[in-house]
Amino acid sequence: MKRRARVVTACEYSQGQGKIMNPSVVLFVWGAIVALIGVSGFVTSKSVPSLIAGIVAGALLLGAGALLKRGKDFGFWLGAGVTLLLVLRFAPVFLKTQDVWPAGAMTVLGVLALVALFVSRRA
């Protein structure tokens, strides 16, 4: 009897053992970094929009990680979508100003987070 290949969702990956990268962990770490960068923007330049955006985006990413951890595949796509929006927001600013902080850091870290998410999903 032949065994058939089985399609595995991101949720099943997040619950598996022995994975090199776990997508829910990627989202938890990335969400914490985003929130901390938002707080840093407020502390250094008294930017209330940075604080609000950082906390909201960080909370969405942490929530996406929690959804994924609970077996909800929507968490993966929520996290990927929020990350993509952050990259699309910060990349043009970085390309225009060449400022490494925060635009360059958010762009590079966002791209790395997206790559890590998709690689961990396939792992």
PDB file of N, CA and C in Angstrom:
ATOM      1  N   MET A   1       0.826  -1.163   0.000  1.00  0.00           N
ATOM      2  CA  MET A   1       0.000   0.000   0.000  1.00  0.00           C
ATOM      3  C   MET A   1       0.886   1.247   0.000  1.00  0.00           C
ATOM      4  N   LYS A   2       0.606   2.173  -0.919  1.00  0.00           N
ATOM      5  CA  LYS A   2       1.395   3.397  -1.029  1.00  0.00           C
ATOM      6  C   LYS A   2       0.893   4.441  -0.030  1.00  0.00           C
ATOM      7  N   ARG A   3       1.841   5.186   0.503  1.00  0.00           N
ATOM      8  CA  ARG A   3       1.483   6.303   1.382  1.00  0.00           C
ATOM      9  C   ARG A   3       1.336   7.546   0.530  1.00  0.00           C
ATOM     10  N   ARG A   4       0.301   8.301   0.785  1.00  0.00           N
ATOM     11  CA  ARG A   4       0.074   9.533   0.043  1.00  0.00           C
ATOM     12  C   ARG A   4       0.706  10.704   0.767  1.00  0.00           C
ATOM     13  N   ALA A   5       1.234  11.624   0.005  1.00  0.00           N
ATOM     14  CA  ALA A   5       1.791  12.849   0.587  1.00  0.00           C
ATOM     15  C   ALA A   5       0.644  13.660   1.192  1.00  0.00           C
ATOM     16  N   ARG A   6       0.928  14.302   2.293  1.00  0.00           N
ATOM     17  CA  ARG A   6      -0.102  15.054   3.001  1.00  0.00           C
ATOM     18  C   ARG A   6       0.316  16.516   3.077  1.00  0.00           C
ATOM     19  N   VAL A   7      -0.606  17.407   2.764  1.00  0.00           N
ATOM     20  CA  VAL A   7      -0.344  18.838   2.872  1.00  0.00           C
ATOM     21  C   VAL A   7      -0.478  19.225   4.342  1.00  0.00           C
ATOM     22  N   VAL A   8       0.520  19.937   4.833  1.00  0.00           N
ATOM     23  CA  VAL A   8       0.538  20.344   6.239  1.00  0.00           C
ATOM     24  C   VAL A   8       0.398  21.854   6.297  1.00  0.00           C
ATOM     25  N   THR A   9      -0.491  22.336   7.145  1.00  0.00           N
ATOM     26  CA  THR A   9      -0.712  23.777   7.263  1.00  0.00           C
ATOM     27  C   THR A   9       0.300  24.400   8.209  1.00  0.00           C
ATOM     28  N   ALA A  10       0.349  25.732   8.195  1.00  0.00           N
ATOM     29  CA  ALA A  10       1.251  26.462   9.104  1.00  0.00           C
ATOM     30  C   ALA A  10       0.901  26.169  10.550  1.00  0.00           C
ATOM     31  N   CYS A  11      -0.377  25.935  10.829  1.00  0.00           N
ATOM     32  CA  CYS A  11      -0.795  25.629  12.206  1.00  0.00           C
ATOM     33  C   CYS A  11      -0.154  24.344  12.691  1.00  0.00           C
ATOM     34  N   GLU A  12      -0.138  23.351  11.841  1.00  0.00           N
ATOM     35  CA  GLU A  12       0.467  22.084  12.234  1.00  0.00           C
ATOM     36  C   GLU A  12       1.969  22.244  12.449  1.00  0.00           C
ATOM     37  N   TYR A  13       2.605  23.109  11.680  1.00  0.00           N
ATOM     38  CA  TYR A  13       4.028  23.374  11.888  1.00  0.00           C
ATOM     39  C   TYR A  13       4.265  24.044  13.227  1.00  0.00           C
ATOM     40  N   SER A  14       3.400  24.990  13.570  1.00  0.00           N
ATOM     41  CA  SER A  14       3.617  25.719  14.823  1.00  0.00           C
ATOM     42  C   SER A  14       3.443  24.813  16.037  1.00  0.00           C
ATOM     43  N   GLN A  15       2.755  23.711  15.878  1.00  0.00           N
ATOM     44  CA  GLN A  15       2.534  22.812  16.997  1.00  0.00           C
ATOM     45  C   GLN A  15       3.492  21.619  16.987  1.00  0.00           C
ATOM     46  N   GLY A  16       4.333  21.536  15.958  1.00  0.00           N
ATOM     47  CA  GLY A  16       5.231  20.387  15.836  1.00  0.00           C
ATOM     48  C   GLY A  16       6.446  20.499  16.743  1.00  0.00           C
ATOM     49  N   GLN A  17       7.079  19.371  16.973  1.00  0.00           N
ATOM     50  CA  GLN A  17       8.301  19.342  17.766  1.00  0.00           C
ATOM     51  C   GLN A  17       9.512  19.245  16.843  1.00  0.00           C
ATOM     52  N   GLY A  18      10.634  19.749  17.343  1.00  0.00           N
ATOM     53  CA  GLY A  18      11.884  19.605  16.630  1.00  0.00           C
ATOM     54  C   GLY A  18      12.038  20.509  15.424  1.00  0.00           C
ATOM     55  N   LYS A  19      11.269  21.551  15.320  1.00  0.00           N
ATOM     56  CA  LYS A  19      11.390  22.466  14.194  1.00  0.00           C
ATOM     57  C   LYS A  19      12.527  23.438  14.455  1.00  0.00           C
ATOM     58  N   ILE A  20      13.252  23.764  13.409  1.00  0.00           N
ATOM     59  CA  ILE A  20      14.331  24.724  13.531  1.00  0.00           C
ATOM     60  C   ILE A  20      13.755  26.095  13.851  1.00  0.00           C
ATOM     61  N   MET A  21      12.731  26.498  13.111  1.00  0.00           N
ATOM     62  CA  MET A  21      12.058  27.770  13.351  1.00  0.00           C
ATOM     63  C   MET A  21      10.572  27.510  13.483  1.00  0.00           C
ATOM     64  N   ASN A  22       9.971  28.121  14.449  1.00  0.00           N
ATOM     65  CA  ASN A  22       8.553  27.990  14.684  1.00  0.00           C
ATOM     66  C   ASN A  22       7.905  29.319  14.311  1.00  0.00           C
ATOM     67  N   PRO A  23       6.925  29.343  13.390  1.00  0.00           N
ATOM     68  CA  PRO A  23       6.353  30.620  12.959  1.00  0.00           C
ATOM     69  C   PRO A  23       5.700  31.409  14.090  1.00  0.00           C
ATOM     70  N   SER A  24       5.125  30.741  15.072  1.00  0.00           N
ATOM     71  CA  SER A  24       4.526  31.497  16.174  1.00  0.00           C
ATOM     72  C   SER A  24       5.604  32.193  17.003  1.00  0.00           C
ATOM     73  N   VAL A  25       6.761  31.552  17.171  1.00  0.00           N
ATOM     74  CA  VAL A  25       7.864  32.182  17.902  1.00  0.00           C
ATOM     75  C   VAL A  25       8.400  33.371  17.114  1.00  0.00           C
ATOM     76  N   VAL A  26       8.500  33.228  15.794  1.00  0.00           N
ATOM     77  CA  VAL A  26       8.927  34.348  14.949  1.00  0.00           C
ATOM     78  C   VAL A  26       7.997  35.532  15.170  1.00  0.00           C
ATOM     79  N   LEU A  27       6.688  35.282  15.192  1.00  0.00           N
ATOM     80  CA  LEU A  27       5.728  36.367  15.385  1.00  0.00           C
ATOM     81  C   LEU A  27       5.810  36.971  16.785  1.00  0.00           C
ATOM     82  N   PHE A  28       6.027  36.148  17.798  1.00  0.00           N
ATOM     83  CA  PHE A  28       6.161  36.667  19.165  1.00  0.00           C
ATOM     84  C   PHE A  28       7.383  37.587  19.276  1.00  0.00           C
ATOM     85  N   VAL A  29       8.503  37.151  18.756  1.00  0.00           N
ATOM     86  CA  VAL A  29       9.741  37.946  18.841  1.00  0.00           C
ATOM     87  C   VAL A  29       9.604  39.232  18.028  1.00  0.00           C
ATOM     88  N   TRP A  30       9.104  39.115  16.810  1.00  0.00           N
ATOM     89  CA  TRP A  30       8.941  40.276  15.935  1.00  0.00           C
ATOM     90  C   TRP A  30       7.934  41.267  16.542  1.00  0.00           C
ATOM     91  N   GLY A  31       6.854  40.774  17.110  1.00  0.00           N
ATOM     92  CA  GLY A  31       5.869  41.654  17.740  1.00  0.00           C
ATOM     93  C   GLY A  31       6.467  42.426  18.905  1.00  0.00           C
ATOM     94  N   ALA A  32       7.267  41.768  19.714  1.00  0.00           N
ATOM     95  CA  ALA A  32       7.920  42.440  20.841  1.00  0.00           C
ATOM     96  C   ALA A  32       8.896  43.502  20.333  1.00  0.00           C
ATOM     97  N   ILE A  33       9.649  43.191  19.282  1.00  0.00           N
ATOM     98  CA  ILE A  33      10.594  44.158  18.718  1.00  0.00           C
ATOM     99  C   ILE A  33       9.864  45.379  18.182  1.00  0.00           C
ATOM    100  N   VAL A  34       8.768  45.166  17.471  1.00  0.00           N
ATOM    101  CA  VAL A  34       7.998  46.276  16.906  1.00  0.00           C
ATOM    102  C   VAL A  34       7.460  47.175  18.025  1.00  0.00           C
ATOM    103  N   ALA A  35       6.911  46.571  19.061  1.00  0.00           N
ATOM    104  CA  ALA A  35       6.391  47.360  20.181  1.00  0.00           C
ATOM    105  C   ALA A  35       7.515  48.157  20.850  1.00  0.00           C
ATOM    106  N   LEU A  36       8.663  47.536  21.044  1.00  0.00           N
ATOM    107  CA  LEU A  36       9.799  48.229  21.670  1.00  0.00           C
ATOM    108  C   LEU A  36      10.315  49.369  20.795  1.00  0.00           C
ATOM    109  N   ILE A  37      10.318  49.195  19.496  1.00  0.00           N
ATOM    110  CA  ILE A  37      10.748  50.283  18.610  1.00  0.00           C
ATOM    111  C   ILE A  37       9.749  51.439  18.669  1.00  0.00           C
ATOM    112  N   GLY A  38       8.468  51.127  18.779  1.00  0.00           N
ATOM    113  CA  GLY A  38       7.458  52.181  18.942  1.00  0.00           C
ATOM    114  C   GLY A  38       7.650  52.957  20.236  1.00  0.00           C
ATOM    115  N   VAL A  39       7.923  52.245  21.317  1.00  0.00           N
ATOM    116  CA  VAL A  39       8.196  52.893  22.607  1.00  0.00           C
ATOM    117  C   VAL A  39       9.474  53.721  22.509  1.00  0.00           C
ATOM    118  N   SER A  40      10.479  53.192  21.831  1.00  0.00           N
ATOM    119  CA  SER A  40      11.736  53.925  21.640  1.00  0.00           C
ATOM    120  C   SER A  40      11.505  55.225  20.882  1.00  0.00           C
ATOM    121  N   GLY A  41      10.648  55.194  19.875  1.00  0.00           N
ATOM    122  CA  GLY A  41      10.317  56.410  19.126  1.00  0.00           C
ATOM    123  C   GLY A  41       9.667  57.455  20.004  1.00  0.00           C
ATOM    124  N   PHE A  42       8.844  57.008  20.931  1.00  0.00           N
ATOM    125  CA  PHE A  42       8.205  57.945  21.859  1.00  0.00           C
ATOM    126  C   PHE A  42       9.217  58.514  22.849  1.00  0.00           C
ATOM    127  N   VAL A  43      10.074  57.655  23.385  1.00  0.00           N
ATOM    128  CA  VAL A  43      11.049  58.091  24.390  1.00  0.00           C
ATOM    129  C   VAL A  43      12.054  59.070  23.791  1.00  0.00           C
ATOM    130  N   THR A  44      12.534  58.780  22.589  1.00  0.00           N
ATOM    131  CA  THR A  44      13.580  59.620  22.007  1.00  0.00           C
ATOM    132  C   THR A  44      13.060  60.911  21.393  1.00  0.00           C
ATOM    133  N   SER A  45      11.870  60.881  20.791  1.00  0.00           N
ATOM    134  CA  SER A  45      11.390  62.088  20.106  1.00  0.00           C
ATOM    135  C   SER A  45       9.989  62.512  20.519  1.00  0.00           C
ATOM    136  N   LYS A  46       9.477  61.922  21.595  1.00  0.00           N
ATOM    137  CA  LYS A  46       8.125  62.252  22.092  1.00  0.00           C
ATOM    138  C   LYS A  46       7.054  62.100  21.013  1.00  0.00           C
ATOM    139  N   SER A  47       7.233  61.104  20.143  1.00  0.00           N
ATOM    140  CA  SER A  47       6.307  60.862  19.048  1.00  0.00           C
ATOM    141  C   SER A  47       5.176  59.939  19.505  1.00  0.00           C
ATOM    142  N   VAL A  48       4.010  60.534  19.746  1.00  0.00           N
ATOM    143  CA  VAL A  48       2.843  59.745  20.151  1.00  0.00           C
ATOM    144  C   VAL A  48       2.387  58.815  19.021  1.00  0.00           C
ATOM    145  N   PRO A  49       2.415  59.258  17.740  1.00  0.00           N
ATOM    146  CA  PRO A  49       2.056  58.323  16.670  1.00  0.00           C
ATOM    147  C   PRO A  49       2.961  57.083  16.627  1.00  0.00           C
ATOM    148  N   SER A  50       4.262  57.259  16.894  1.00  0.00           N
ATOM    149  CA  SER A  50       5.169  56.104  16.932  1.00  0.00           C
ATOM    150  C   SER A  50       4.776  55.145  18.044  1.00  0.00           C
ATOM    151  N   LEU A  51       4.447  55.706  19.195  1.00  0.00           N
ATOM    152  CA  LEU A  51       4.043  54.882  20.333  1.00  0.00           C
ATOM    153  C   LEU A  51       2.777  54.090  20.013  1.00  0.00           C
ATOM    154  N   ILE A  52       1.772  54.778  19.501  1.00  0.00           N
ATOM    155  CA  ILE A  52       0.491  54.122  19.203  1.00  0.00           C
ATOM    156  C   ILE A  52       0.662  53.075  18.100  1.00  0.00           C
ATOM    157  N   ALA A  53       1.334  53.457  17.008  1.00  0.00           N
ATOM    158  CA  ALA A  53       1.521  52.518  15.887  1.00  0.00           C
ATOM    159  C   ALA A  53       2.352  51.314  16.317  1.00  0.00           C
ATOM    160  N   GLY A  54       3.398  51.552  17.093  1.00  0.00           N
ATOM    161  CA  GLY A  54       4.248  50.453  17.544  1.00  0.00           C
ATOM    162  C   GLY A  54       3.510  49.483  18.444  1.00  0.00           C
ATOM    163  N   ILE A  55       2.721  50.034  19.366  1.00  0.00           N
ATOM    164  CA  ILE A  55       1.984  49.164  20.280  1.00  0.00           C
ATOM    165  C   ILE A  55       0.872  48.410  19.549  1.00  0.00           C
ATOM    166  N   VAL A  56       0.157  49.092  18.661  1.00  0.00           N
ATOM    167  CA  VAL A  56      -0.918  48.422  17.911  1.00  0.00           C
ATOM    168  C   VAL A  56      -0.352  47.343  16.995  1.00  0.00           C
ATOM    169  N   ALA A  57       0.697  47.676  16.226  1.00  0.00           N
ATOM    170  CA  ALA A  57       1.291  46.677  15.319  1.00  0.00           C
ATOM    171  C   ALA A  57       1.905  45.531  16.115  1.00  0.00           C
ATOM    172  N   GLY A  58       2.582  45.853  17.217  1.00  0.00           N
ATOM    173  CA  GLY A  58       3.164  44.809  18.062  1.00  0.00           C
ATOM    174  C   GLY A  58       2.101  43.898  18.642  1.00  0.00           C
ATOM    175  N   ALA A  59       0.993  44.498  19.085  1.00  0.00           N
ATOM    176  CA  ALA A  59      -0.106  43.700  19.651  1.00  0.00           C
ATOM    177  C   ALA A  59      -0.734  42.804  18.585  1.00  0.00           C
ATOM    178  N   LEU A  60      -0.890  43.322  17.378  1.00  0.00           N
ATOM    179  CA  LEU A  60      -1.431  42.495  16.285  1.00  0.00           C
ATOM    180  C   LEU A  60      -0.508  41.319  15.984  1.00  0.00           C
ATOM    181  N   LEU A  61       0.802  41.576  15.993  1.00  0.00           N
ATOM    182  CA  LEU A  61       1.753  40.496  15.729  1.00  0.00           C
ATOM    183  C   LEU A  61       1.766  39.474  16.864  1.00  0.00           C
ATOM    184  N   LEU A  62       1.705  39.937  18.102  1.00  0.00           N
ATOM    185  CA  LEU A  62       1.634  39.007  19.235  1.00  0.00           C
ATOM    186  C   LEU A  62       0.341  38.201  19.192  1.00  0.00           C
ATOM    187  N   GLY A  63      -0.758  38.870  18.839  1.00  0.00           N
ATOM    188  CA  GLY A  63      -2.032  38.171  18.694  1.00  0.00           C
ATOM    189  C   GLY A  63      -1.995  37.149  17.571  1.00  0.00           C
ATOM    190  N   ALA A  64      -1.329  37.500  16.471  1.00  0.00           N
ATOM    191  CA  ALA A  64      -1.182  36.559  15.356  1.00  0.00           C
ATOM    192  C   ALA A  64      -0.393  35.329  15.799  1.00  0.00           C
ATOM    193  N   GLY A  65       0.665  35.555  16.587  1.00  0.00           N
ATOM    194  CA  GLY A  65       1.442  34.427  17.112  1.00  0.00           C
ATOM    195  C   GLY A  65       0.609  33.544  18.017  1.00  0.00           C
ATOM    196  N   ALA A  66      -0.231  34.174  18.849  1.00  0.00           N
ATOM    197  CA  ALA A  66      -1.097  33.402  19.748  1.00  0.00           C
ATOM    198  C   ALA A  66      -2.128  32.596  18.956  1.00  0.00           C
ATOM    199  N   LEU A  67      -2.703  33.214  17.918  1.00  0.00           N
ATOM    200  CA  LEU A  67      -3.658  32.482  17.073  1.00  0.00           C
ATOM    201  C   LEU A  67      -2.992  31.280  16.413  1.00  0.00           C
ATOM    202  N   LEU A  68      -1.804  31.503  15.900  1.00  0.00           N
ATOM    203  CA  LEU A  68      -1.083  30.422  15.243  1.00  0.00           C
ATOM    204  C   LEU A  68      -0.745  29.309  16.228  1.00  0.00           C
ATOM    205  N   LYS A  69      -0.353  29.686  17.422  1.00  0.00           N
ATOM    206  CA  LYS A  69      -0.030  28.703  18.461  1.00  0.00           C
ATOM    207  C   LYS A  69      -1.253  27.850  18.818  1.00  0.00           C
ATOM    208  N   ARG A  70      -2.436  28.453  18.725  1.00  0.00           N
ATOM    209  CA  ARG A  70      -3.690  27.738  19.038  1.00  0.00           C
ATOM    210  C   ARG A  70      -4.248  26.975  17.845  1.00  0.00           C
ATOM    211  N   GLY A  71      -3.502  26.951  16.756  1.00  0.00           N
ATOM    212  CA  GLY A  71      -3.943  26.158  15.616  1.00  0.00           C
ATOM    213  C   GLY A  71      -4.759  26.911  14.589  1.00  0.00           C
ATOM    214  N   LYS A  72      -4.797  28.222  14.673  1.00  0.00           N
ATOM    215  CA  LYS A  72      -5.554  29.032  13.712  1.00  0.00           C
ATOM    216  C   LYS A  72      -4.613  29.512  12.618  1.00  0.00           C
ATOM    217  N   ASP A  73      -4.781  29.002  11.427  1.00  0.00           N
ATOM    218  CA  ASP A  73      -3.913  29.355  10.306  1.00  0.00           C
ATOM    219  C   ASP A  73      -4.011  30.833   9.955  1.00  0.00           C
ATOM    220  N   PHE A  74      -5.119  31.466  10.321  1.00  0.00           N
ATOM    221  CA  PHE A  74      -5.296  32.898  10.073  1.00  0.00           C
ATOM    222  C   PHE A  74      -4.189  33.712  10.740  1.00  0.00           C
ATOM    223  N   GLY A  75      -3.660  33.231  11.847  1.00  0.00           N
ATOM    224  CA  GLY A  75      -2.588  33.937  12.555  1.00  0.00           C
ATOM    225  C   GLY A  75      -1.355  34.122  11.688  1.00  0.00           C
ATOM    226  N   PHE A  76      -1.029  33.111  10.904  1.00  0.00           N
ATOM    227  CA  PHE A  76       0.122  33.213  10.005  1.00  0.00           C
ATOM    228  C   PHE A  76      -0.087  34.355   9.019  1.00  0.00           C
ATOM    229  N   TRP A  77      -1.261  34.387   8.398  1.00  0.00           N
ATOM    230  CA  TRP A  77      -1.533  35.398   7.371  1.00  0.00           C
ATOM    231  C   TRP A  77      -1.693  36.785   7.975  1.00  0.00           C
ATOM    232  N   LEU A  78      -2.248  36.874   9.161  1.00  0.00           N
ATOM    233  CA  LEU A  78      -2.335  38.169   9.850  1.00  0.00           C
ATOM    234  C   LEU A  78      -0.929  38.697  10.124  1.00  0.00           C
ATOM    235  N   GLY A  79      -0.070  37.845  10.662  1.00  0.00           N
ATOM    236  CA  GLY A  79       1.299  38.253  10.947  1.00  0.00           C
ATOM    237  C   GLY A  79       2.062  38.650   9.693  1.00  0.00           C
ATOM    238  N   ALA A  80       1.910  37.872   8.643  1.00  0.00           N
ATOM    239  CA  ALA A  80       2.587  38.187   7.382  1.00  0.00           C
ATOM    240  C   ALA A  80       2.057  39.496   6.793  1.00  0.00           C
ATOM    241  N   GLY A  81       0.752  39.707   6.899  1.00  0.00           N
ATOM    242  CA  GLY A  81       0.149  40.935   6.368  1.00  0.00           C
ATOM    243  C   GLY A  81       0.595  42.180   7.124  1.00  0.00           C
ATOM    244  N   VAL A  82       0.591  42.112   8.446  1.00  0.00           N
ATOM    245  CA  VAL A  82       1.042  43.253   9.258  1.00  0.00           C
ATOM    246  C   VAL A  82       2.518  43.535   8.973  1.00  0.00           C
ATOM    247  N   THR A  83       3.308  42.497   8.877  1.00  0.00           N
ATOM    248  CA  THR A  83       4.739  42.671   8.596  1.00  0.00           C
ATOM    249  C   THR A  83       4.955  43.293   7.226  1.00  0.00           C
ATOM    250  N   LEU A  84       4.209  42.828   6.229  1.00  0.00           N
ATOM    251  CA  LEU A  84       4.319  43.399   4.885  1.00  0.00           C
ATOM    252  C   LEU A  84       3.936  44.880   4.896  1.00  0.00           C
ATOM    253  N   LEU A  85       2.868  45.223   5.602  1.00  0.00           N
ATOM    254  CA  LEU A  85       2.464  46.631   5.692  1.00  0.00           C
ATOM    255  C   LEU A  85       3.544  47.475   6.362  1.00  0.00           C
ATOM    256  N   LEU A  86       4.183  46.940   7.395  1.00  0.00           N
ATOM    257  CA  LEU A  86       5.270  47.677   8.047  1.00  0.00           C
ATOM    258  C   LEU A  86       6.444  47.892   7.085  1.00  0.00           C
ATOM    259  N   VAL A  87       6.801  46.858   6.345  1.00  0.00           N
ATOM    260  CA  VAL A  87       7.898  46.996   5.376  1.00  0.00           C
ATOM    261  C   VAL A  87       7.532  48.024   4.305  1.00  0.00           C
ATOM    262  N   LEU A  88       6.294  47.965   3.806  1.00  0.00           N
ATOM    263  CA  LEU A  88       5.859  48.920   2.783  1.00  0.00           C
ATOM    264  C   LEU A  88       5.792  50.342   3.321  1.00  0.00           C
ATOM    265  N   ARG A  89       5.582  50.497   4.611  1.00  0.00           N
ATOM    266  CA  ARG A  89       5.562  51.827   5.232  1.00  0.00           C
ATOM    267  C   ARG A  89       6.979  52.377   5.415  1.00  0.00           C
ATOM    268  N   PHE A  90       7.916  51.540   5.856  1.00  0.00           N
ATOM    269  CA  PHE A  90       9.240  52.028   6.211  1.00  0.00           C
ATOM    270  C   PHE A  90      10.256  51.986   5.067  1.00  0.00           C
ATOM    271  N   ALA A  91      10.124  51.094   4.100  1.00  0.00           N
ATOM    272  CA  ALA A  91      11.108  50.980   3.014  1.00  0.00           C
ATOM    273  C   ALA A  91      11.238  52.265   2.196  1.00  0.00           C
ATOM    274  N   PRO A  92      10.125  52.892   1.767  1.00  0.00           N
ATOM    275  CA  PRO A  92      10.281  54.143   0.999  1.00  0.00           C
ATOM    276  C   PRO A  92      10.969  55.253   1.805  1.00  0.00           C
ATOM    277  N   VAL A  93      10.680  55.329   3.086  1.00  0.00           N
ATOM    278  CA  VAL A  93      11.327  56.334   3.940  1.00  0.00           C
ATOM    279  C   VAL A  93      12.822  56.057   4.025  1.00  0.00           C
ATOM    280  N   PHE A  94      13.184  54.786   4.203  1.00  0.00           N
ATOM    281  CA  PHE A  94      14.593  54.423   4.276  1.00  0.00           C
ATOM    282  C   PHE A  94      15.308  54.734   2.968  1.00  0.00           C
ATOM    283  N   LEU A  95      14.694  54.391   1.834  1.00  0.00           N
ATOM    284  CA  LEU A  95      15.319  54.652   0.540  1.00  0.00           C
ATOM    285  C   LEU A  95      15.480  56.148   0.283  1.00  0.00           C
ATOM    286  N   LYS A  96      14.540  56.948   0.763  1.00  0.00           N
ATOM    287  CA  LYS A  96      14.596  58.398   0.547  1.00  0.00           C
ATOM    288  C   LYS A  96      15.597  59.074   1.481  1.00  0.00           C
ATOM    289  N   THR A  97      15.561  58.729   2.760  1.00  0.00           N
ATOM    290  CA  THR A  97      16.370  59.449   3.753  1.00  0.00           C
ATOM    291  C   THR A  97      17.687  58.759   4.095  1.00  0.00           C
ATOM    292  N   GLN A  98      17.785  57.461   3.842  1.00  0.00           N
ATOM    293  CA  GLN A  98      18.943  56.659   4.227  1.00  0.00           C
ATOM    294  C   GLN A  98      19.162  56.636   5.740  1.00  0.00           C
ATOM    295  N   ASP A  99      18.121  56.965   6.510  1.00  0.00           N
ATOM    296  CA  ASP A  99      18.208  56.909   7.972  1.00  0.00           C
ATOM    297  C   ASP A  99      18.101  55.456   8.422  1.00  0.00           C
ATOM    298  N   VAL A 100      19.120  55.014   9.156  1.00  0.00           N
ATOM    299  CA  VAL A 100      19.138  53.633   9.616  1.00  0.00           C
ATOM    300  C   VAL A 100      18.132  53.414  10.734  1.00  0.00           C
ATOM    301  N   TRP A 101      17.936  54.431  11.575  1.00  0.00           N
ATOM    302  CA  TRP A 101      17.006  54.287  12.694  1.00  0.00           C
ATOM    303  C   TRP A 101      15.877  55.271  12.568  1.00  0.00           C
ATOM    304  N   PRO A 102      14.645  54.850  12.602  1.00  0.00           N
ATOM    305  CA  PRO A 102      14.122  53.493  12.687  1.00  0.00           C
ATOM    306  C   PRO A 102      13.787  52.882  11.329  1.00  0.00           C
ATOM    307  N   ALA A 103      13.785  53.724  10.271  1.00  0.00           N
ATOM    308  CA  ALA A 103      13.302  53.246   8.970  1.00  0.00           C
ATOM    309  C   ALA A 103      14.126  52.074   8.434  1.00  0.00           C
ATOM    310  N   GLY A 104      15.443  52.179   8.492  1.00  0.00           N
ATOM    311  CA  GLY A 104      16.292  51.096   7.987  1.00  0.00           C
ATOM    312  C   GLY A 104      16.154  49.833   8.805  1.00  0.00           C
ATOM    313  N   ALA A 105      16.131  49.999  10.124  1.00  0.00           N
ATOM    314  CA  ALA A 105      15.996  48.836  11.010  1.00  0.00           C
ATOM    315  C   ALA A 105      14.659  48.136  10.791  1.00  0.00           C
ATOM    316  N   MET A 106      13.577  48.895  10.702  1.00  0.00           N
ATOM    317  CA  MET A 106      12.255  48.287  10.510  1.00  0.00           C
ATOM    318  C   MET A 106      12.161  47.602   9.142  1.00  0.00           C
ATOM    319  N   THR A 107      12.782  48.199   8.132  1.00  0.00           N
ATOM    320  CA  THR A 107      12.750  47.589   6.802  1.00  0.00           C
ATOM    321  C   THR A 107      13.511  46.266   6.797  1.00  0.00           C
ATOM    322  N   VAL A 108      14.744  46.294   7.283  1.00  0.00           N
ATOM    323  CA  VAL A 108      15.571  45.085   7.269  1.00  0.00           C
ATOM    324  C   VAL A 108      14.983  44.009   8.172  1.00  0.00           C
ATOM    325  N   LEU A 109      14.601  44.386   9.389  1.00  0.00           N
ATOM    326  CA  LEU A 109      14.027  43.398  10.314  1.00  0.00           C
ATOM    327  C   LEU A 109      12.693  42.856   9.796  1.00  0.00           C
ATOM    328  N   GLY A 110      11.893  43.718   9.155  1.00  0.00           N
ATOM    329  CA  GLY A 110      10.629  43.265   8.587  1.00  0.00           C
ATOM    330  C   GLY A 110      10.820  42.250   7.473  1.00  0.00           C
ATOM    331  N   VAL A 111      11.784  42.520   6.591  1.00  0.00           N
ATOM    332  CA  VAL A 111      12.068  41.571   5.512  1.00  0.00           C
ATOM    333  C   VAL A 111      12.584  40.258   6.097  1.00  0.00           C
ATOM    334  N   LEU A 112      13.477  40.353   7.087  1.00  0.00           N
ATOM    335  CA  LEU A 112      13.976  39.135   7.739  1.00  0.00           C
ATOM    336  C   LEU A 112      12.835  38.361   8.411  1.00  0.00           C
ATOM    337  N   ALA A 113      11.905  39.084   9.039  1.00  0.00           N
ATOM    338  CA  ALA A 113      10.763  38.419   9.682  1.00  0.00           C
ATOM    339  C   ALA A 113       9.894  37.717   8.643  1.00  0.00           C
ATOM    340  N   LEU A 114       9.659  38.366   7.501  1.00  0.00           N
ATOM    341  CA  LEU A 114       8.864  37.729   6.438  1.00  0.00           C
ATOM    342  C   LEU A 114       9.550  36.471   5.916  1.00  0.00           C
ATOM    343  N   VAL A 115      10.840  36.565   5.687  1.00  0.00           N
ATOM    344  CA  VAL A 115      11.584  35.393   5.211  1.00  0.00           C
ATOM    345  C   VAL A 115      11.519  34.281   6.245  1.00  0.00           C
ATOM    346  N   ALA A 116      11.753  34.623   7.508  1.00  0.00           N
ATOM    347  CA  ALA A 116      11.704  33.617   8.569  1.00  0.00           C
ATOM    348  C   ALA A 116      10.327  32.986   8.685  1.00  0.00           C
ATOM    349  N   LEU A 117       9.275  33.794   8.540  1.00  0.00           N
ATOM    350  CA  LEU A 117       7.911  33.259   8.606  1.00  0.00           C
ATOM    351  C   LEU A 117       7.671  32.228   7.509  1.00  0.00           C
ATOM    352  N   PHE A 118       8.016  32.592   6.282  1.00  0.00           N
ATOM    353  CA  PHE A 118       7.732  31.689   5.166  1.00  0.00           C
ATOM    354  C   PHE A 118       8.656  30.471   5.167  1.00  0.00           C
ATOM    355  N   VAL A 119       9.899  30.655   5.587  1.00  0.00           N
ATOM    356  CA  VAL A 119      10.803  29.509   5.678  1.00  0.00           C
ATOM    357  C   VAL A 119      10.327  28.553   6.774  1.00  0.00           C
ATOM    358  N   SER A 120       9.923  29.100   7.913  1.00  0.00           N
ATOM    359  CA  SER A 120       9.455  28.246   9.007  1.00  0.00           C
ATOM    360  C   SER A 120       8.156  27.539   8.648  1.00  0.00           C
ATOM    361  N   ARG A 121       7.382  28.154   7.790  1.00  0.00           N
ATOM    362  CA  ARG A 121       6.125  27.517   7.360  1.00  0.00           C
ATOM    363  C   ARG A 121       6.395  26.301   6.493  1.00  0.00           C
ATOM    364  N   ARG A 122       7.463  26.373   5.719  1.00  0.00           N
ATOM    365  CA  ARG A 122       7.806  25.275   4.807  1.00  0.00           C
ATOM    366  C   ARG A 122       8.675  24.217   5.463  1.00  0.00           C
ATOM    367  N   ALA A 123       9.321  24.574   6.577  1.00  0.00           N
ATOM    368  CA  ALA A 123      10.281  23.661   7.226  1.00  0.00           C
ATOM    369  C   ALA A 123       9.636  22.381   7.689  1.00  0.00           C
TER     370      ALA A 123
END
